[in-house]
N, C-alpha and C. Protein backbone atom coordinates (compact mmCIF):
# COMPACT_ATOMS: atom_id res chain seq x y z
N MET A 1 0.77 -1.20 0.02
CA MET A 1 0.02 0.03 -0.02
C MET A 1 0.85 1.25 0.00
N ARG A 2 2.04 1.29 0.74
CA ARG A 2 2.89 2.33 0.81
C ARG A 2 3.55 2.66 -0.56
N LYS A 3 3.92 1.57 -1.29
CA LYS A 3 4.54 1.92 -2.65
C LYS A 3 3.56 2.46 -3.61
N VAL A 4 2.28 2.10 -3.56
CA VAL A 4 1.22 2.53 -4.37
C VAL A 4 1.09 4.08 -4.12
N LEU A 5 0.99 4.30 -2.88
CA LEU A 5 0.88 5.74 -2.49
C LEU A 5 1.99 6.65 -2.82
N LEU A 6 3.12 6.03 -2.66
CA LEU A 6 4.47 6.81 -2.99
C LEU A 6 4.43 6.94 -4.62
N ALA A 7 4.14 5.88 -5.30
CA ALA A 7 4.10 6.08 -6.77
C ALA A 7 3.15 7.07 -7.18
N LEU A 8 1.93 7.00 -6.66
CA LEU A 8 0.99 8.12 -7.00
C LEU A 8 1.50 9.46 -6.73
N THR A 9 2.01 9.64 -5.54
CA THR A 9 2.41 11.01 -5.06
C THR A 9 3.57 11.53 -6.03
N LEU A 10 4.50 10.63 -6.40
CA LEU A 10 5.66 11.06 -7.24
C LEU A 10 5.14 11.29 -8.67
N THR A 11 4.21 10.57 -9.12
CA THR A 11 3.50 10.85 -10.41
C THR A 11 2.87 12.15 -10.41
N ALA A 12 2.09 12.42 -9.32
CA ALA A 12 1.41 13.75 -9.32
C ALA A 12 2.54 15.02 -9.23
N VAL A 13 3.43 14.80 -8.47
CA VAL A 13 4.58 15.83 -8.42
C VAL A 13 5.16 16.00 -9.76
N GLY A 14 5.49 14.94 -10.43
CA GLY A 14 6.17 15.05 -11.69
C GLY A 14 5.30 15.70 -12.70
N LEU A 15 3.99 15.27 -12.76
CA LEU A 15 3.08 15.86 -13.64
C LEU A 15 2.82 17.50 -13.42
N ALA A 16 2.85 17.88 -12.04
CA ALA A 16 2.76 19.22 -11.69
C ALA A 16 4.04 19.94 -12.24
N LEU A 17 5.10 19.32 -12.16
CA LEU A 17 6.43 19.98 -12.58
C LEU A 17 6.42 20.09 -14.04
N LEU A 18 5.98 19.12 -14.73
CA LEU A 18 6.00 19.09 -16.30
C LEU A 18 5.02 20.16 -16.74
N LEU A 19 3.74 20.33 -16.14
CA LEU A 19 2.75 21.24 -16.61
C LEU A 19 3.31 22.72 -16.29
N SER A 20 4.12 22.89 -15.19
CA SER A 20 4.54 24.24 -14.90
C SER A 20 5.81 24.67 -15.70
N PHE A 21 6.30 23.81 -16.50
CA PHE A 21 7.42 24.10 -17.23
C PHE A 21 7.13 25.13 -18.23
N LYS A 22 7.90 26.15 -18.45
CA LYS A 22 7.74 27.16 -19.47
C LYS A 22 8.97 27.09 -20.42
N SER A 23 8.65 27.02 -21.68
CA SER A 23 9.78 26.89 -22.65
C SER A 23 10.17 28.37 -22.98
N ARG A 24 11.45 28.54 -23.51
CA ARG A 24 11.96 29.86 -23.84
C ARG A 24 11.24 30.18 -25.13
N SER A 25 10.76 31.44 -25.26
CA SER A 25 10.08 31.87 -26.44
C SER A 25 11.09 32.33 -27.51
N GLY A 26 12.26 32.51 -27.25
CA GLY A 26 13.31 33.04 -28.03
C GLY A 26 14.07 32.09 -28.82
N GLY A 27 13.84 30.72 -28.61
CA GLY A 27 14.57 29.68 -29.27
C GLY A 27 14.36 29.77 -30.75
N SER A 28 15.51 29.65 -31.46
CA SER A 28 15.57 29.63 -32.92
C SER A 28 16.70 28.70 -33.36
N ILE A 29 16.64 28.55 -34.67
CA ILE A 29 17.53 27.55 -35.38
C ILE A 29 18.57 28.20 -36.24
N SER A 30 18.80 29.57 -35.95
CA SER A 30 19.73 30.26 -36.90
C SER A 30 21.10 29.53 -36.78
N ALA A 31 21.69 29.03 -35.69
CA ALA A 31 22.94 28.60 -35.75
C ALA A 31 22.97 27.14 -36.14
N LEU A 32 21.87 26.52 -36.17
CA LEU A 32 21.75 25.07 -36.43
C LEU A 32 22.24 24.84 -37.93
N GLY A 33 23.25 24.12 -38.08
CA GLY A 33 23.73 23.69 -39.36
C GLY A 33 24.38 24.74 -40.27
N SER A 34 24.79 25.90 -39.56
CA SER A 34 25.35 26.94 -40.29
C SER A 34 26.61 26.46 -41.15
N SER A 35 27.43 25.70 -40.62
CA SER A 35 28.59 25.10 -41.39
C SER A 35 28.11 24.21 -42.40
N THR A 36 27.03 23.49 -42.29
CA THR A 36 26.50 22.66 -43.35
C THR A 36 25.97 23.42 -44.54
N VAL A 37 25.26 24.59 -44.14
CA VAL A 37 24.78 25.52 -45.24
C VAL A 37 25.97 26.08 -45.98
N GLN A 38 26.90 26.56 -45.32
CA GLN A 38 28.08 27.20 -45.87
C GLN A 38 28.76 26.06 -46.84
N ASN A 39 28.95 24.87 -46.36
CA ASN A 39 29.49 23.85 -47.18
C ASN A 39 28.72 23.43 -48.41
N ASN A 40 27.27 23.48 -48.18
CA ASN A 40 26.65 23.16 -49.41
C ASN A 40 26.54 24.29 -50.35
N THR A 41 26.59 25.48 -49.93
CA THR A 41 26.58 26.73 -50.78
C THR A 41 27.89 26.63 -51.54
N ALA A 42 29.10 26.36 -50.93
CA ALA A 42 30.26 26.44 -51.56
C ALA A 42 30.39 25.30 -52.61
N ALA A 43 29.72 24.17 -52.25
CA ALA A 43 29.76 23.02 -53.24
C ALA A 43 28.94 23.43 -54.44
N GLN A 44 27.94 24.16 -54.29
CA GLN A 44 26.98 24.41 -55.34
C GLN A 44 27.43 25.60 -56.17
N SER A 45 28.33 26.46 -55.70
CA SER A 45 28.67 27.58 -56.44
C SER A 45 29.32 27.31 -57.69
N GLY A 46 29.95 26.22 -57.88
CA GLY A 46 30.59 25.90 -59.25
C GLY A 46 29.52 25.36 -60.15
N THR A 47 28.42 24.95 -59.79
CA THR A 47 27.45 24.27 -60.63
C THR A 47 26.37 25.29 -61.08
N ASP A 48 26.26 26.35 -60.42
CA ASP A 48 25.12 27.34 -60.69
C ASP A 48 25.34 28.02 -62.02
N SER A 49 24.28 28.26 -62.74
CA SER A 49 24.31 29.00 -64.09
C SER A 49 24.61 30.48 -63.78
N ALA A 50 25.18 31.18 -64.58
CA ALA A 50 25.41 32.65 -64.45
C ALA A 50 24.02 33.45 -64.27
N PRO A 51 24.05 34.41 -63.46
CA PRO A 51 22.69 35.09 -63.30
C PRO A 51 22.39 36.03 -64.57
N SER A 52 21.12 36.05 -64.93
CA SER A 52 20.70 36.86 -65.84
C SER A 52 20.31 38.25 -65.49
N ALA A 53 20.34 39.18 -66.46
CA ALA A 53 20.12 40.60 -66.02
C ALA A 53 18.67 40.88 -65.70
N ASP A 54 17.77 40.01 -66.17
CA ASP A 54 16.34 40.27 -66.02
C ASP A 54 15.74 39.19 -65.24
N PRO A 55 15.22 39.47 -63.94
CA PRO A 55 14.71 38.44 -63.31
C PRO A 55 13.40 37.84 -63.76
N SER A 56 12.66 38.60 -64.67
CA SER A 56 11.44 38.18 -65.19
C SER A 56 11.59 37.11 -66.17
N THR A 57 12.86 36.77 -66.63
CA THR A 57 13.26 35.68 -67.61
C THR A 57 13.52 34.42 -66.79
N ALA A 58 13.72 34.52 -65.50
CA ALA A 58 14.15 33.39 -64.68
C ALA A 58 12.86 32.37 -64.64
N PRO A 59 13.13 31.09 -64.69
CA PRO A 59 12.20 30.10 -64.62
C PRO A 59 11.42 30.06 -63.27
N SER A 60 10.04 30.13 -63.15
CA SER A 60 9.43 30.24 -61.81
C SER A 60 8.67 28.97 -61.57
N SER A 61 8.76 27.99 -62.49
CA SER A 61 8.11 26.73 -62.20
C SER A 61 9.22 25.81 -61.40
N PRO A 62 8.67 24.85 -60.55
CA PRO A 62 9.52 23.98 -59.89
C PRO A 62 10.15 22.93 -60.83
N ALA A 63 10.04 22.95 -62.04
CA ALA A 63 10.51 21.97 -62.93
C ALA A 63 12.04 21.96 -62.86
N SER A 64 12.57 23.07 -62.69
CA SER A 64 14.21 22.99 -62.61
C SER A 64 14.64 23.57 -61.29
N PRO A 65 14.31 22.91 -60.11
CA PRO A 65 14.70 23.44 -58.90
C PRO A 65 16.09 23.57 -58.45
N LYS A 66 17.06 22.90 -59.30
CA LYS A 66 18.44 22.75 -58.84
C LYS A 66 19.18 23.91 -59.58
N SER A 67 18.67 24.58 -60.44
CA SER A 67 19.31 25.70 -61.16
C SER A 67 19.08 27.14 -60.43
N SER A 68 20.04 27.94 -60.38
CA SER A 68 19.86 29.25 -59.79
C SER A 68 19.05 30.05 -60.75
N SER A 69 18.18 30.74 -60.05
CA SER A 69 17.45 31.65 -60.96
C SER A 69 18.19 32.93 -61.15
N GLY A 70 17.56 33.85 -61.99
CA GLY A 70 18.22 35.13 -62.45
C GLY A 70 18.15 36.06 -61.29
N SER A 71 19.09 37.01 -61.20
CA SER A 71 19.18 38.10 -60.25
C SER A 71 19.70 39.30 -60.95
N SER A 72 19.40 40.47 -60.40
CA SER A 72 20.09 41.74 -60.79
C SER A 72 20.55 42.51 -59.58
N LYS A 73 21.62 42.96 -59.69
CA LYS A 73 22.20 43.87 -58.68
C LYS A 73 22.23 45.30 -59.08
N THR A 74 21.49 46.17 -58.43
CA THR A 74 21.42 47.60 -58.73
C THR A 74 22.11 48.48 -57.77
N SER A 75 23.11 49.34 -58.32
CA SER A 75 23.74 50.21 -57.22
C SER A 75 22.97 51.40 -57.02
N SER A 76 22.95 51.69 -55.77
CA SER A 76 22.37 53.05 -55.34
C SER A 76 23.62 53.94 -54.97
N SER A 77 23.33 55.09 -54.26
CA SER A 77 24.44 56.00 -53.91
C SER A 77 25.43 55.27 -53.00
N SER A 78 24.98 54.45 -52.08
CA SER A 78 26.01 53.88 -51.12
C SER A 78 25.91 52.34 -50.89
N LYS A 79 24.91 51.80 -51.30
CA LYS A 79 24.78 50.27 -51.13
C LYS A 79 24.10 49.58 -52.28
N LYS A 80 24.37 48.42 -52.41
CA LYS A 80 23.79 47.63 -53.45
C LYS A 80 22.43 47.14 -53.08
N THR A 81 21.48 46.94 -53.92
CA THR A 81 20.26 46.33 -53.64
C THR A 81 20.23 45.08 -54.62
N VAL A 82 19.54 44.07 -54.11
CA VAL A 82 19.48 42.72 -54.84
C VAL A 82 18.05 42.54 -55.08
N SER A 83 17.64 42.21 -56.39
CA SER A 83 16.35 41.76 -56.67
C SER A 83 16.49 40.45 -57.40
N GLY A 84 15.46 39.49 -57.24
CA GLY A 84 15.51 38.35 -58.13
C GLY A 84 15.05 37.12 -57.26
N THR A 85 15.11 35.95 -57.90
CA THR A 85 14.78 34.78 -57.36
C THR A 85 15.95 33.88 -57.07
N PHE A 86 16.23 33.36 -55.93
CA PHE A 86 17.41 32.64 -55.62
C PHE A 86 17.03 31.30 -55.01
N THR A 87 17.49 30.18 -55.71
CA THR A 87 17.13 28.87 -55.19
C THR A 87 18.27 28.35 -54.19
N GLY A 88 17.69 28.01 -53.02
CA GLY A 88 18.52 27.41 -51.93
C GLY A 88 18.91 25.92 -52.30
N SER A 89 19.90 25.44 -51.49
CA SER A 89 20.29 24.02 -51.64
C SER A 89 19.26 23.15 -51.21
N GLU A 90 19.34 21.84 -51.77
CA GLU A 90 18.38 20.81 -51.30
C GLU A 90 18.99 20.27 -50.05
N VAL A 91 18.25 20.29 -48.93
CA VAL A 91 18.58 19.76 -47.74
C VAL A 91 17.95 18.50 -47.33
N ASP A 92 18.79 17.45 -47.14
CA ASP A 92 18.13 16.10 -46.94
C ASP A 92 17.79 16.14 -45.35
N THR A 93 16.57 15.74 -45.06
CA THR A 93 16.07 15.57 -43.69
C THR A 93 15.65 14.06 -43.41
N ARG A 94 15.33 13.93 -42.31
CA ARG A 94 14.87 12.48 -41.90
C ARG A 94 13.65 11.91 -42.76
N TYR A 95 12.89 12.81 -43.09
CA TYR A 95 11.72 12.40 -43.88
C TYR A 95 11.82 12.73 -45.30
N GLY A 96 12.83 13.29 -45.72
CA GLY A 96 12.85 13.63 -47.18
C GLY A 96 13.55 15.07 -47.51
N PRO A 97 13.87 15.34 -48.60
CA PRO A 97 14.51 16.60 -48.94
C PRO A 97 13.63 17.86 -48.92
N VAL A 98 14.24 18.93 -48.62
CA VAL A 98 13.51 20.19 -48.42
C VAL A 98 14.36 21.18 -49.16
N GLN A 99 13.62 22.02 -50.05
CA GLN A 99 14.25 23.01 -50.91
C GLN A 99 13.35 24.12 -51.09
N VAL A 100 13.88 25.41 -50.87
CA VAL A 100 13.12 26.57 -51.05
C VAL A 100 13.70 27.57 -52.00
N GLN A 101 13.03 28.57 -52.54
CA GLN A 101 13.44 29.66 -53.31
C GLN A 101 13.13 30.89 -52.54
N ALA A 102 14.16 31.91 -52.50
CA ALA A 102 13.82 33.21 -51.95
C ALA A 102 13.62 34.19 -52.92
N VAL A 103 12.62 34.97 -52.92
CA VAL A 103 12.33 36.08 -53.84
C VAL A 103 12.54 37.39 -53.14
N LEU A 104 13.46 38.11 -53.78
CA LEU A 104 13.90 39.42 -53.09
C LEU A 104 13.69 40.55 -54.16
N SER A 105 13.20 41.72 -53.47
CA SER A 105 13.06 42.88 -54.19
C SER A 105 13.71 43.91 -53.35
N ASP A 106 14.72 44.62 -53.97
CA ASP A 106 15.48 45.71 -53.29
C ASP A 106 16.04 45.18 -51.98
N SER A 107 16.59 43.97 -52.00
CA SER A 107 17.27 43.41 -50.91
C SER A 107 16.39 43.06 -49.76
N LYS A 108 14.98 43.07 -50.02
CA LYS A 108 14.00 42.66 -48.91
C LYS A 108 13.43 41.25 -49.49
N LEU A 109 13.33 40.43 -48.45
CA LEU A 109 12.70 38.99 -48.75
C LEU A 109 11.10 39.27 -48.88
N THR A 110 10.58 38.99 -50.08
CA THR A 110 9.26 39.22 -50.34
C THR A 110 8.55 38.07 -50.53
N ASN A 111 9.03 36.93 -50.70
CA ASN A 111 8.31 35.66 -50.82
C ASN A 111 9.32 34.48 -50.65
N VAL A 112 8.76 33.34 -50.22
CA VAL A 112 9.63 32.05 -50.16
C VAL A 112 8.69 31.06 -50.89
N ASN A 113 9.29 30.50 -51.93
CA ASN A 113 8.46 29.41 -52.61
C ASN A 113 9.19 28.09 -52.27
N VAL A 114 8.41 27.16 -51.94
CA VAL A 114 8.85 25.83 -51.54
C VAL A 114 8.92 25.05 -52.78
N LEU A 115 9.99 24.56 -53.01
CA LEU A 115 10.20 23.67 -54.22
C LEU A 115 10.01 22.23 -53.99
N GLU A 116 10.50 21.77 -52.82
CA GLU A 116 10.49 20.42 -52.51
C GLU A 116 10.36 20.27 -50.92
N VAL A 117 9.43 19.28 -50.51
CA VAL A 117 9.17 18.89 -49.11
C VAL A 117 8.99 17.43 -49.11
N PRO A 118 9.13 16.83 -48.03
CA PRO A 118 8.98 15.44 -47.92
C PRO A 118 7.27 15.09 -48.24
N ASP A 119 7.13 14.14 -49.06
CA ASP A 119 5.76 13.84 -49.48
C ASP A 119 5.67 12.25 -49.44
N ASN A 120 5.38 11.66 -48.30
CA ASN A 120 5.29 10.30 -48.12
C ASN A 120 3.86 9.73 -48.07
N GLY A 121 2.96 10.61 -48.14
CA GLY A 121 1.58 10.11 -48.15
C GLY A 121 1.20 9.73 -46.77
N SER A 122 1.75 10.42 -45.66
CA SER A 122 1.48 9.89 -44.26
C SER A 122 1.00 11.11 -43.55
N TYR A 123 0.89 10.85 -42.20
CA TYR A 123 0.47 11.80 -41.24
C TYR A 123 1.32 13.00 -41.30
N GLU A 124 2.64 12.78 -41.33
CA GLU A 124 3.75 13.75 -41.41
C GLU A 124 3.39 14.86 -42.47
N ASP A 125 2.90 14.43 -43.60
CA ASP A 125 2.54 15.34 -44.54
C ASP A 125 1.47 16.37 -44.17
N GLN A 126 0.55 16.00 -43.37
CA GLN A 126 -0.43 16.77 -42.99
C GLN A 126 0.22 17.90 -42.01
N ILE A 127 1.10 17.49 -41.22
CA ILE A 127 1.90 18.44 -40.32
C ILE A 127 2.65 19.37 -41.13
N VAL A 128 3.29 19.01 -42.22
CA VAL A 128 4.10 19.80 -43.05
C VAL A 128 3.26 20.77 -43.70
N SER A 129 2.08 20.38 -44.19
CA SER A 129 1.16 21.42 -44.77
C SER A 129 0.78 22.49 -43.86
N ILE A 130 0.66 22.21 -42.59
CA ILE A 130 0.37 23.16 -41.55
C ILE A 130 1.55 24.03 -41.29
N ALA A 131 2.69 23.44 -41.13
CA ALA A 131 3.98 24.18 -40.90
C ALA A 131 4.46 25.15 -42.02
N LEU A 132 4.29 24.72 -43.13
CA LEU A 132 4.93 25.68 -44.33
C LEU A 132 4.37 27.09 -44.23
N PRO A 133 3.10 27.39 -44.10
CA PRO A 133 2.68 28.79 -44.01
C PRO A 133 3.25 29.39 -42.79
N GLU A 134 3.39 28.72 -41.68
CA GLU A 134 4.02 29.35 -40.48
C GLU A 134 5.49 29.68 -40.75
N LEU A 135 6.21 28.86 -41.28
CA LEU A 135 7.56 29.00 -41.60
C LEU A 135 7.76 30.14 -42.61
N LYS A 136 6.92 30.28 -43.66
CA LYS A 136 7.10 31.35 -44.54
C LYS A 136 6.65 32.77 -43.96
N SER A 137 5.73 32.69 -43.00
CA SER A 137 5.27 34.02 -42.24
C SER A 137 6.50 34.32 -41.33
N GLU A 138 7.10 33.49 -40.67
CA GLU A 138 8.26 33.74 -39.81
C GLU A 138 9.46 34.29 -40.48
N ALA A 139 9.73 33.69 -41.78
CA ALA A 139 10.86 34.09 -42.55
C ALA A 139 10.70 35.56 -43.05
N LEU A 140 9.48 35.84 -43.44
CA LEU A 140 9.15 37.21 -44.02
C LEU A 140 9.12 38.17 -42.99
N SER A 141 8.72 37.92 -41.85
CA SER A 141 8.74 38.94 -40.66
C SER A 141 10.21 39.14 -40.20
N ALA A 142 10.95 38.07 -40.24
CA ALA A 142 12.36 38.22 -39.73
C ALA A 142 13.35 38.64 -40.78
N GLN A 143 12.87 38.58 -42.02
CA GLN A 143 13.68 38.92 -43.13
C GLN A 143 14.99 38.19 -43.23
N SER A 144 14.88 37.03 -42.70
CA SER A 144 16.14 36.12 -42.60
C SER A 144 15.70 34.62 -42.36
N SER A 145 16.60 33.81 -42.32
CA SER A 145 16.37 32.31 -41.96
C SER A 145 16.48 32.15 -40.48
N ASN A 146 16.46 33.28 -39.64
CA ASN A 146 16.53 33.04 -38.18
C ASN A 146 15.07 32.91 -37.81
N ILE A 147 14.57 31.60 -37.94
CA ILE A 147 13.22 31.31 -37.64
C ILE A 147 13.04 30.37 -36.56
N ASP A 148 11.81 30.37 -35.78
CA ASP A 148 11.50 29.48 -34.77
C ASP A 148 11.06 28.10 -35.48
N ILE A 149 11.47 27.00 -34.78
CA ILE A 149 11.11 25.60 -35.21
C ILE A 149 9.49 25.51 -35.01
N VAL A 150 8.78 24.95 -35.93
CA VAL A 150 7.42 24.73 -35.82
C VAL A 150 7.25 23.31 -35.14
N SER A 151 6.56 23.25 -34.03
CA SER A 151 6.38 21.98 -33.16
C SER A 151 5.79 20.89 -34.10
N GLY A 152 6.32 19.72 -34.00
CA GLY A 152 5.77 18.71 -34.84
C GLY A 152 6.34 18.53 -36.22
N ALA A 153 7.11 19.61 -36.77
CA ALA A 153 7.71 19.67 -37.98
C ALA A 153 9.24 20.03 -37.88
N THR A 154 9.90 19.51 -36.86
CA THR A 154 11.18 19.89 -36.56
C THR A 154 12.18 19.77 -37.70
N PHE A 155 12.24 18.62 -38.23
CA PHE A 155 13.07 18.30 -39.27
C PHE A 155 12.84 19.21 -40.62
N THR A 156 11.60 19.36 -40.89
CA THR A 156 11.21 20.18 -41.96
C THR A 156 11.70 21.57 -41.71
N SER A 157 11.40 22.07 -40.43
CA SER A 157 11.78 23.49 -40.15
C SER A 157 13.26 23.67 -40.30
N GLU A 158 14.06 22.75 -39.79
CA GLU A 158 15.51 22.90 -39.91
C GLU A 158 15.87 22.86 -41.43
N GLY A 159 15.40 21.92 -42.11
CA GLY A 159 15.75 21.95 -43.61
C GLY A 159 15.34 23.25 -44.32
N TYR A 160 14.19 23.82 -43.98
CA TYR A 160 13.59 24.88 -44.52
C TYR A 160 14.56 26.16 -44.26
N ALA A 161 14.96 26.25 -43.00
CA ALA A 161 15.91 27.36 -42.64
C ALA A 161 17.24 27.17 -43.27
N GLN A 162 17.75 26.04 -43.45
CA GLN A 162 19.08 25.83 -44.07
C GLN A 162 19.00 26.30 -45.45
N SER A 163 17.90 25.68 -46.13
CA SER A 163 17.76 25.97 -47.57
C SER A 163 17.59 27.47 -47.92
N LEU A 164 16.71 28.17 -47.03
CA LEU A 164 16.58 29.59 -47.09
C LEU A 164 17.92 30.23 -46.84
N GLN A 165 18.70 29.89 -45.92
CA GLN A 165 19.98 30.62 -45.64
C GLN A 165 20.88 30.50 -46.99
N ALA A 166 20.88 29.18 -47.59
CA ALA A 166 21.71 29.10 -48.76
C ALA A 166 21.27 30.04 -49.86
N ALA A 167 19.97 30.11 -49.99
CA ALA A 167 19.38 31.06 -51.17
C ALA A 167 19.82 32.48 -50.67
N LEU A 168 19.72 32.87 -49.56
CA LEU A 168 20.07 34.32 -49.15
C LEU A 168 21.66 34.44 -49.31
N ASP A 169 22.36 33.51 -49.00
CA ASP A 169 23.77 33.48 -49.23
C ASP A 169 24.16 33.71 -50.77
N LYS A 170 23.40 33.03 -51.56
CA LYS A 170 23.58 33.22 -53.02
C LYS A 170 23.29 34.68 -53.34
N ALA A 171 22.30 35.17 -52.80
CA ALA A 171 21.83 36.58 -53.11
C ALA A 171 22.90 37.66 -52.56
N GLY A 172 23.62 37.21 -51.56
CA GLY A 172 24.60 38.10 -51.01
C GLY A 172 24.02 39.04 -50.07
N VAL A 173 22.86 38.74 -49.48
CA VAL A 173 22.17 39.49 -48.36
C VAL A 173 22.34 38.89 -47.10
């Protein structure tokens, strides 16, 4: 009887501690895999096609996700602005590859297109479909790949941030 009472008491205390736990709201994945992103970017730099002068001629369909899209750099009085579409590297995650494209206008991140995400026809796909709009919103508000991980889509969030960082590195912003 004492063992049962002790077990119930310890369970209640453990549950109370667990429920009172507050996670940090500032957690992000900016440093996660930064060396991997740099290595992937360096490896791809020799295979990218030369940027075209007109971003409107860049392919916008995901039919050629591996090629770098066009960009143009415009000089202003003191700093360069970058506009165009830049494709990030394909990042392999536990559930499959993730690849995104960053759309920049005057060095501002205006859109993030998802070219590839895990698609296994399972429950994880539903989670990914919920996570992608949140990741896009985070990236646009942060204007960088320094975004919070979406709960339940950790691996996809990490791959998304790494691929976005690679795209921003190609753009030079």
